[in-house]
Amino acid sequence: MSQNFATGHSLRLSVRKLALLALLAVTPLTFAKDAAVVVAKNSKIKAVQSATFIKAFKSSPARLADGQEIVLVVTPLNTAETQSVGSKLLAQTPQGLSQMVANRNIIVVDSDAEVIRLVSSTPNAVGVVDTYSITSEVVVVKVDGELPLEPGYLLHYH
Protein backbone atom coordinates (compact mmCIF):
# COMPACT_ATOMS: atom_id res chain seq x y z
CA MET A 1 0.00 0.00 0.00
CA SER A 2 1.27 3.49 -0.82
CA GLN A 3 0.17 6.92 0.32
CA ASN A 4 -0.95 9.61 -2.13
CA PHE A 5 0.48 12.76 -0.64
CA ALA A 6 -1.70 15.19 -2.62
CA THR A 7 -5.04 13.82 -1.41
CA GLY A 8 -4.14 11.77 1.62
CA HIS A 9 -5.88 8.70 0.13
CA SER A 10 -4.24 5.32 -0.01
CA LEU A 11 -3.79 3.43 -3.26
CA ARG A 12 -4.13 -0.32 -3.17
CA LEU A 13 -2.84 -2.50 -5.94
CA SER A 14 -3.76 -6.14 -6.00
CA VAL A 15 -1.21 -8.78 -6.82
CA ARG A 16 -3.13 -9.42 -10.05
CA LYS A 17 -2.90 -5.75 -11.09
CA LEU A 18 0.80 -5.66 -10.23
CA ALA A 19 1.40 -8.78 -12.33
CA LEU A 20 -0.48 -7.23 -15.27
CA LEU A 21 1.53 -4.01 -14.99
CA ALA A 22 4.77 -6.00 -14.88
CA LEU A 23 3.73 -7.98 -17.97
CA LEU A 24 2.88 -4.79 -19.86
CA ALA A 25 6.23 -3.27 -18.91
CA VAL A 26 8.23 -6.14 -20.43
CA THR A 27 6.02 -6.89 -23.46
CA PRO A 28 7.09 -5.09 -26.62
CA LEU A 29 4.21 -3.34 -28.31
CA THR A 30 3.85 -4.09 -32.00
CA PHE A 31 1.35 -2.25 -34.07
CA ALA A 32 -0.04 -3.50 -37.33
CA LYS A 33 0.61 -1.30 -40.33
CA ASP A 34 -0.64 -0.98 -43.85
CA ALA A 35 1.38 -0.64 -47.04
CA ALA A 36 -0.11 1.97 -49.34
CA VAL A 37 -0.12 1.69 -53.12
CA VAL A 38 0.61 5.14 -54.55
CA VAL A 39 0.76 6.70 -58.02
CA ALA A 40 1.57 10.09 -59.51
CA LYS A 41 -1.17 12.70 -59.28
CA ASN A 42 -1.64 12.63 -63.06
CA SER A 43 -1.75 8.82 -63.29
CA LYS A 44 -4.73 7.12 -64.91
CA ILE A 45 -4.57 4.40 -62.25
CA LYS A 46 -7.18 5.07 -59.57
CA ALA A 47 -7.58 1.57 -58.13
CA VAL A 48 -6.07 -1.90 -58.51
CA GLN A 49 -7.55 -5.33 -58.21
CA SER A 50 -5.14 -7.87 -56.77
CA ALA A 51 -6.00 -10.48 -59.43
CA THR A 52 -5.35 -7.95 -62.21
CA PHE A 53 -2.11 -6.86 -60.59
CA ILE A 54 -0.90 -10.46 -60.27
CA LYS A 55 -1.71 -11.04 -63.95
CA ALA A 56 0.01 -7.79 -65.02
CA PHE A 57 3.29 -8.80 -63.40
CA LYS A 58 3.35 -12.33 -64.85
CA SER A 59 4.97 -10.96 -68.00
CA SER A 60 7.81 -8.59 -68.71
CA PRO A 61 7.22 -5.72 -69.19
CA ALA A 62 4.30 -5.63 -66.77
CA ARG A 63 1.09 -4.39 -68.38
CA LEU A 64 -2.36 -3.62 -67.06
CA ALA A 65 -5.47 -4.92 -68.83
CA ASP A 66 -5.66 -1.73 -70.93
CA GLY A 67 -2.13 -2.38 -72.22
CA GLN A 68 -0.54 0.34 -70.11
CA GLU A 69 3.00 -0.64 -69.15
CA ILE A 70 3.74 -0.21 -65.46
CA VAL A 71 6.69 -0.53 -63.14
CA LEU A 72 6.54 -1.14 -59.40
CA VAL A 73 8.76 0.95 -57.10
CA VAL A 74 9.48 -0.48 -53.65
CA THR A 75 11.86 -0.22 -50.74
CA PRO A 76 14.39 -3.05 -50.25
CA LEU A 77 12.94 -6.53 -50.71
CA ASN A 78 13.48 -7.45 -47.05
CA THR A 79 11.19 -4.69 -45.70
CA ALA A 80 7.84 -5.71 -44.25
CA GLU A 81 5.75 -3.64 -46.65
CA THR A 82 7.58 -4.99 -49.72
CA GLN A 83 7.25 -8.56 -48.48
CA SER A 84 3.55 -7.97 -47.87
CA VAL A 85 3.08 -6.68 -51.42
CA GLY A 86 5.19 -9.50 -52.83
CA SER A 87 3.13 -12.21 -51.21
CA LYS A 88 -0.33 -10.64 -51.22
CA LEU A 89 -0.46 -8.40 -54.30
CA LEU A 90 2.02 -10.16 -56.61
CA ALA A 91 1.70 -13.76 -55.35
CA GLN A 92 5.50 -14.05 -55.33
CA THR A 93 8.10 -15.62 -53.09
CA PRO A 94 11.17 -13.59 -52.13
CA GLN A 95 13.03 -15.36 -54.97
CA GLY A 96 10.25 -14.42 -57.38
CA LEU A 97 10.55 -10.77 -56.32
CA SER A 98 14.29 -10.90 -56.96
CA GLN A 99 13.62 -12.24 -60.46
CA MET A 100 11.11 -9.43 -61.07
CA VAL A 101 13.84 -6.93 -60.12
CA ALA A 102 16.19 -8.62 -62.59
CA ASN A 103 13.47 -8.37 -65.28
CA ARG A 104 13.08 -4.66 -64.47
CA ASN A 105 9.41 -4.97 -63.51
CA ILE A 106 10.36 -3.77 -60.03
CA ILE A 107 12.65 -0.91 -59.11
CA VAL A 108 14.15 -1.01 -55.62
CA VAL A 109 15.10 2.24 -53.88
CA ASP A 110 16.42 2.89 -50.38
CA SER A 111 13.51 4.68 -48.70
CA ASP A 112 9.83 5.55 -48.82
CA ALA A 113 10.84 9.14 -49.62
CA GLU A 114 12.67 7.89 -52.73
CA VAL A 115 9.65 5.78 -53.74
CA ILE A 116 7.46 8.88 -53.52
CA ARG A 117 9.96 11.03 -55.43
CA LEU A 118 10.26 8.50 -58.27
CA VAL A 119 6.55 7.69 -58.46
CA SER A 120 5.53 11.36 -58.43
CA SER A 121 7.73 12.03 -61.46
CA THR A 122 6.92 8.85 -63.42
CA PRO A 123 3.34 8.54 -64.73
CA ASN A 124 3.49 4.75 -65.26
CA ALA A 125 5.04 3.98 -61.89
CA VAL A 126 3.17 2.39 -59.00
CA GLY A 127 4.84 2.61 -55.62
CA VAL A 128 4.47 0.95 -52.27
CA VAL A 129 5.16 2.84 -49.05
CA ASP A 130 4.24 2.61 -45.40
CA THR A 131 1.04 4.59 -44.84
CA TYR A 132 2.84 6.94 -42.47
CA SER A 133 5.14 8.04 -45.31
CA ILE A 134 2.42 9.29 -47.67
CA THR A 135 2.81 12.88 -48.82
CA SER A 136 0.80 15.24 -51.00
CA GLU A 137 3.12 14.43 -53.94
CA VAL A 138 1.28 11.15 -54.66
CA VAL A 139 -2.23 9.71 -54.68
CA VAL A 140 -3.19 6.57 -52.75
CA VAL A 141 -5.12 4.05 -54.82
CA LYS A 142 -7.63 1.51 -53.60
CA VAL A 143 -6.64 -2.15 -53.54
CA ASP A 144 -9.59 -4.49 -54.08
CA GLY A 145 -11.92 -1.59 -53.28
CA GLU A 146 -10.32 -0.71 -49.95
CA LEU A 147 -7.97 2.04 -48.79
CA PRO A 148 -5.26 1.64 -46.16
CA LEU A 149 -6.57 1.58 -42.59
CA GLU A 150 -9.99 0.30 -43.71
CA PRO A 151 -11.17 -3.07 -42.40
CA GLY A 152 -10.31 -5.88 -44.80
CA TYR A 153 -7.49 -3.99 -46.52
CA LEU A 154 -5.23 -6.52 -48.27
CA LEU A 155 -1.83 -4.99 -47.51
CA HIS A 156 -2.00 -5.13 -43.73
CA TYR A 157 1.27 -6.29 -42.09
CA HIS A 158 3.18 -6.31 -38.79
C-alpha atoms as a PDB file:
ATOM      1  CA  MET A   1       0.000   0.000   0.000  1.00  0.00           C
ATOM      2  CA  SER A   2       1.271   3.490  -0.819  1.00  0.00           C
ATOM      3  CA  GLN A   3       0.172   6.924   0.322  1.00  0.00           C
ATOM      4  CA  ASN A   4      -0.954   9.606  -2.134  1.00  0.00           C
ATOM      5  CA  PHE A   5       0.476  12.757  -0.640  1.00  0.00           C
ATOM      6  CA  ALA A   6      -1.696  15.187  -2.618  1.00  0.00           C
ATOM      7  CA  THR A   7      -5.041  13.824  -1.408  1.00  0.00           C
ATOM      8  CA  GLY A   8      -4.138  11.775   1.625  1.00  0.00           C
ATOM      9  CA  HIS A   9      -5.875   8.702   0.135  1.00  0.00           C
ATOM     10  CA  SER A  10      -4.236   5.323  -0.013  1.00  0.00           C
ATOM     11  CA  LEU A  11      -3.794   3.433  -3.257  1.00  0.00           C
ATOM     12  CA  ARG A  12      -4.131  -0.316  -3.167  1.00  0.00           C
ATOM     13  CA  LEU A  13      -2.839  -2.499  -5.935  1.00  0.00           C
ATOM     14  CA  SER A  14      -3.756  -6.136  -6.001  1.00  0.00           C
ATOM     15  CA  VAL A  15      -1.210  -8.783  -6.823  1.00  0.00           C
ATOM     16  CA  ARG A  16      -3.130  -9.419 -10.054  1.00  0.00           C
ATOM     17  CA  LYS A  17      -2.903  -5.752 -11.093  1.00  0.00           C
ATOM     18  CA  LEU A  18       0.798  -5.655 -10.233  1.00  0.00           C
ATOM     19  CA  ALA A  19       1.398  -8.775 -12.333  1.00  0.00           C
ATOM     20  CA  LEU A  20      -0.483  -7.231 -15.270  1.00  0.00           C
ATOM     21  CA  LEU A  21       1.526  -4.009 -14.987  1.00  0.00           C
ATOM     22  CA  ALA A  22       4.769  -5.997 -14.881  1.00  0.00           C
ATOM     23  CA  LEU A  23       3.728  -7.976 -17.966  1.00  0.00           C
ATOM     24  CA  LEU A  24       2.883  -4.791 -19.862  1.00  0.00           C
ATOM     25  CA  ALA A  25       6.233  -3.274 -18.906  1.00  0.00           C
ATOM     26  CA  VAL A  26       8.232  -6.138 -20.432  1.00  0.00           C
ATOM     27  CA  THR A  27       6.016  -6.890 -23.460  1.00  0.00           C
ATOM     28  CA  PRO A  28       7.087  -5.092 -26.618  1.00  0.00           C
ATOM     29  CA  LEU A  29       4.206  -3.343 -28.311  1.00  0.00           C
ATOM     30  CA  THR A  30       3.850  -4.088 -32.000  1.00  0.00           C
ATOM     31  CA  PHE A  31       1.348  -2.252 -34.069  1.00  0.00           C
ATOM     32  CA  ALA A  32      -0.041  -3.502 -37.329  1.00  0.00           C
ATOM     33  CA  LYS A  33       0.613  -1.303 -40.331  1.00  0.00           C
ATOM     34  CA  ASP A  34      -0.636  -0.976 -43.853  1.00  0.00           C
ATOM     35  CA  ALA A  35       1.381  -0.641 -47.038  1.00  0.00           C
ATOM     36  CA  ALA A  36      -0.114   1.970 -49.342  1.00  0.00           C
ATOM     37  CA  VAL A  37      -0.118   1.694 -53.119  1.00  0.00           C
ATOM     38  CA  VAL A  38       0.611   5.140 -54.547  1.00  0.00           C
ATOM     39  CA  VAL A  39       0.757   6.699 -58.016  1.00  0.00           C
ATOM     40  CA  ALA A  40       1.574  10.086 -59.513  1.00  0.00           C
ATOM     41  CA  LYS A  41      -1.170  12.697 -59.278  1.00  0.00           C
ATOM     42  CA  ASN A  42      -1.644  12.633 -63.060  1.00  0.00           C
ATOM     43  CA  SER A  43      -1.753   8.822 -63.290  1.00  0.00           C
ATOM     44  CA  LYS A  44      -4.726   7.120 -64.912  1.00  0.00           C
ATOM     45  CA  ILE A  45      -4.574   4.405 -62.253  1.00  0.00           C
ATOM     46  CA  LYS A  46      -7.181   5.068 -59.568  1.00  0.00           C
ATOM     47  CA  ALA A  47      -7.577   1.567 -58.130  1.00  0.00           C
ATOM     48  CA  VAL A  48      -6.065  -1.896 -58.511  1.00  0.00           C
ATOM     49  CA  GLN A  49      -7.553  -5.334 -58.212  1.00  0.00           C
ATOM     50  CA  SER A  50      -5.139  -7.868 -56.766  1.00  0.00           C
ATOM     51  CA  ALA A  51      -6.002 -10.477 -59.428  1.00  0.00           C
ATOM     52  CA  THR A  52      -5.353  -7.953 -62.210  1.00  0.00           C
ATOM     53  CA  PHE A  53      -2.106  -6.855 -60.588  1.00  0.00           C
ATOM     54  CA  ILE A  54      -0.897 -10.460 -60.267  1.00  0.00           C
ATOM     55  CA  LYS A  55      -1.709 -11.044 -63.946  1.00  0.00           C
ATOM     56  CA  ALA A  56       0.007  -7.787 -65.020  1.00  0.00           C
ATOM     57  CA  PHE A  57       3.291  -8.797 -63.402  1.00  0.00           C
ATOM     58  CA  LYS A  58       3.345 -12.333 -64.846  1.00  0.00           C
ATOM     59  CA  SER A  59       4.968 -10.956 -67.998  1.00  0.00           C
ATOM     60  CA  SER A  60       7.806  -8.590 -68.715  1.00  0.00           C
ATOM     61  CA  PRO A  61       7.218  -5.717 -69.186  1.00  0.00           C
ATOM     62  CA  ALA A  62       4.299  -5.626 -66.766  1.00  0.00           C
ATOM     63  CA  ARG A  63       1.090  -4.388 -68.381  1.00  0.00           C
ATOM     64  CA  LEU A  64      -2.360  -3.615 -67.056  1.00  0.00           C
ATOM     65  CA  ALA A  65      -5.471  -4.919 -68.828  1.00  0.00           C
ATOM     66  CA  ASP A  66      -5.662  -1.727 -70.928  1.00  0.00           C
ATOM     67  CA  GLY A  67      -2.132  -2.377 -72.217  1.00  0.00           C
ATOM     68  CA  GLN A  68      -0.541   0.337 -70.109  1.00  0.00           C
ATOM     69  CA  GLU A  69       3.003  -0.637 -69.154  1.00  0.00           C
ATOM     70  CA  ILE A  70       3.738  -0.205 -65.456  1.00  0.00           C
ATOM     71  CA  VAL A  71       6.688  -0.529 -63.135  1.00  0.00           C
ATOM     72  CA  LEU A  72       6.540  -1.142 -59.396  1.00  0.00           C
ATOM     73  CA  VAL A  73       8.763   0.946 -57.104  1.00  0.00           C
ATOM     74  CA  VAL A  74       9.483  -0.481 -53.651  1.00  0.00           C
ATOM     75  CA  THR A  75      11.860  -0.217 -50.735  1.00  0.00           C
ATOM     76  CA  PRO A  76      14.388  -3.052 -50.247  1.00  0.00           C
ATOM     77  CA  LEU A  77      12.944  -6.526 -50.714  1.00  0.00           C
ATOM     78  CA  ASN A  78      13.477  -7.450 -47.052  1.00  0.00           C
ATOM     79  CA  THR A  79      11.189  -4.692 -45.704  1.00  0.00           C
ATOM     80  CA  ALA A  80       7.842  -5.706 -44.253  1.00  0.00           C
ATOM     81  CA  GLU A  81       5.747  -3.639 -46.646  1.00  0.00           C
ATOM     82  CA  THR A  82       7.585  -4.986 -49.716  1.00  0.00           C
ATOM     83  CA  GLN A  83       7.254  -8.563 -48.477  1.00  0.00           C
ATOM     84  CA  SER A  84       3.552  -7.972 -47.875  1.00  0.00           C
ATOM     85  CA  VAL A  85       3.081  -6.682 -51.417  1.00  0.00           C
ATOM     86  CA  GLY A  86       5.190  -9.496 -52.827  1.00  0.00           C
ATOM     87  CA  SER A  87       3.132 -12.213 -51.209  1.00  0.00           C
ATOM     88  CA  LYS A  88      -0.335 -10.637 -51.222  1.00  0.00           C
ATOM     89  CA  LEU A  89      -0.461  -8.403 -54.299  1.00  0.00           C
ATOM     90  CA  LEU A  90       2.017 -10.155 -56.606  1.00  0.00           C
ATOM     91  CA  ALA A  91       1.703 -13.765 -55.353  1.00  0.00           C
ATOM     92  CA  GLN A  92       5.499 -14.045 -55.335  1.00  0.00           C
ATOM     93  CA  THR A  93       8.101 -15.624 -53.093  1.00  0.00           C
ATOM     94  CA  PRO A  94      11.175 -13.586 -52.133  1.00  0.00           C
ATOM     95  CA  GLN A  95      13.030 -15.365 -54.967  1.00  0.00           C
ATOM     96  CA  GLY A  96      10.248 -14.419 -57.380  1.00  0.00           C
ATOM     97  CA  LEU A  97      10.547 -10.773 -56.315  1.00  0.00           C
ATOM     98  CA  SER A  98      14.291 -10.901 -56.961  1.00  0.00           C
ATOM     99  CA  GLN A  99      13.615 -12.237 -60.457  1.00  0.00           C
ATOM    100  CA  MET A 100      11.110  -9.430 -61.069  1.00  0.00           C
ATOM    101  CA  VAL A 101      13.840  -6.927 -60.115  1.00  0.00           C
ATOM    102  CA  ALA A 102      16.194  -8.624 -62.589  1.00  0.00           C
ATOM    103  CA  ASN A 103      13.474  -8.375 -65.277  1.00  0.00           C
ATOM    104  CA  ARG A 104      13.081  -4.656 -64.474  1.00  0.00           C
ATOM    105  CA  ASN A 105       9.411  -4.974 -63.509  1.00  0.00           C
ATOM    106  CA  ILE A 106      10.355  -3.769 -60.026  1.00  0.00           C
ATOM    107  CA  ILE A 107      12.654  -0.907 -59.108  1.00  0.00           C
ATOM    108  CA  VAL A 108      14.151  -1.014 -55.616  1.00  0.00           C
ATOM    109  CA  VAL A 109      15.104   2.236 -53.878  1.00  0.00           C
ATOM    110  CA  ASP A 110      16.419   2.892 -50.378  1.00  0.00           C
ATOM    111  CA  SER A 111      13.508   4.677 -48.703  1.00  0.00           C
ATOM    112  CA  ASP A 112       9.825   5.546 -48.819  1.00  0.00           C
ATOM    113  CA  ALA A 113      10.837   9.141 -49.624  1.00  0.00           C
ATOM    114  CA  GLU A 114      12.668   7.890 -52.731  1.00  0.00           C
ATOM    115  CA  VAL A 115       9.651   5.782 -53.737  1.00  0.00           C
ATOM    116  CA  ILE A 116       7.460   8.882 -53.520  1.00  0.00           C
ATOM    117  CA  ARG A 117       9.956  11.033 -55.435  1.00  0.00           C
ATOM    118  CA  LEU A 118      10.264   8.499 -58.275  1.00  0.00           C
ATOM    119  CA  VAL A 119       6.548   7.690 -58.456  1.00  0.00           C
ATOM    120  CA  SER A 120       5.525  11.363 -58.433  1.00  0.00           C
ATOM    121  CA  SER A 121       7.730  12.032 -61.459  1.00  0.00           C
ATOM    122  CA  THR A 122       6.919   8.847 -63.423  1.00  0.00           C
ATOM    123  CA  PRO A 123       3.343   8.538 -64.733  1.00  0.00           C
ATOM    124  CA  ASN A 124       3.493   4.749 -65.264  1.00  0.00           C
ATOM    125  CA  ALA A 125       5.041   3.979 -61.885  1.00  0.00           C
ATOM    126  CA  VAL A 126       3.173   2.394 -59.001  1.00  0.00           C
ATOM    127  CA  GLY A 127       4.841   2.609 -55.624  1.00  0.00           C
ATOM    128  CA  VAL A 128       4.471   0.947 -52.273  1.00  0.00           C
ATOM    129  CA  VAL A 129       5.155   2.837 -49.050  1.00  0.00           C
ATOM    130  CA  ASP A 130       4.243   2.615 -45.399  1.00  0.00           C
ATOM    131  CA  THR A 131       1.044   4.590 -44.841  1.00  0.00           C
ATOM    132  CA  TYR A 132       2.842   6.944 -42.470  1.00  0.00           C
ATOM    133  CA  SER A 133       5.143   8.042 -45.314  1.00  0.00           C
ATOM    134  CA  ILE A 134       2.425   9.292 -47.670  1.00  0.00           C
ATOM    135  CA  THR A 135       2.811  12.884 -48.817  1.00  0.00           C
ATOM    136  CA  SER A 136       0.803  15.240 -51.004  1.00  0.00           C
ATOM    137  CA  GLU A 137       3.119  14.428 -53.943  1.00  0.00           C
ATOM    138  CA  VAL A 138       1.279  11.153 -54.659  1.00  0.00           C
ATOM    139  CA  VAL A 139      -2.226   9.711 -54.676  1.00  0.00           C
ATOM    140  CA  VAL A 140      -3.189   6.571 -52.752  1.00  0.00           C
ATOM    141  CA  VAL A 141      -5.123   4.046 -54.821  1.00  0.00           C
ATOM    142  CA  LYS A 142      -7.629   1.508 -53.600  1.00  0.00           C
ATOM    143  CA  VAL A 143      -6.642  -2.148 -53.541  1.00  0.00           C
ATOM    144  CA  ASP A 144      -9.594  -4.488 -54.078  1.00  0.00           C
ATOM    145  CA  GLY A 145     -11.924  -1.591 -53.279  1.00  0.00           C
ATOM    146  CA  GLU A 146     -10.317  -0.714 -49.950  1.00  0.00           C
ATOM    147  CA  LEU A 147      -7.973   2.039 -48.794  1.00  0.00           C
ATOM    148  CA  PRO A 148      -5.257   1.641 -46.161  1.00  0.00           C
ATOM    149  CA  LEU A 149      -6.570   1.582 -42.590  1.00  0.00           C
ATOM    150  CA  GLU A 150      -9.989   0.303 -43.709  1.00  0.00           C
ATOM    151  CA  PRO A 151     -11.170  -3.071 -42.396  1.00  0.00           C
ATOM    152  CA  GLY A 152     -10.314  -5.878 -44.798  1.00  0.00           C
ATOM    153  CA  TYR A 153      -7.488  -3.992 -46.516  1.00  0.00           C
ATOM    154  CA  LEU A 154      -5.234  -6.525 -48.268  1.00  0.00           C
ATOM    155  CA  LEU A 155      -1.828  -4.994 -47.515  1.00  0.00           C
ATOM    156  CA  HIS A 156      -1.997  -5.133 -43.732  1.00  0.00           C
ATOM    157  CA  TYR A 157       1.267  -6.292 -42.087  1.00  0.00           C
ATOM    158  CA  HIS A 158       3.175  -6.307 -38.785  1.00  0.00           C
END
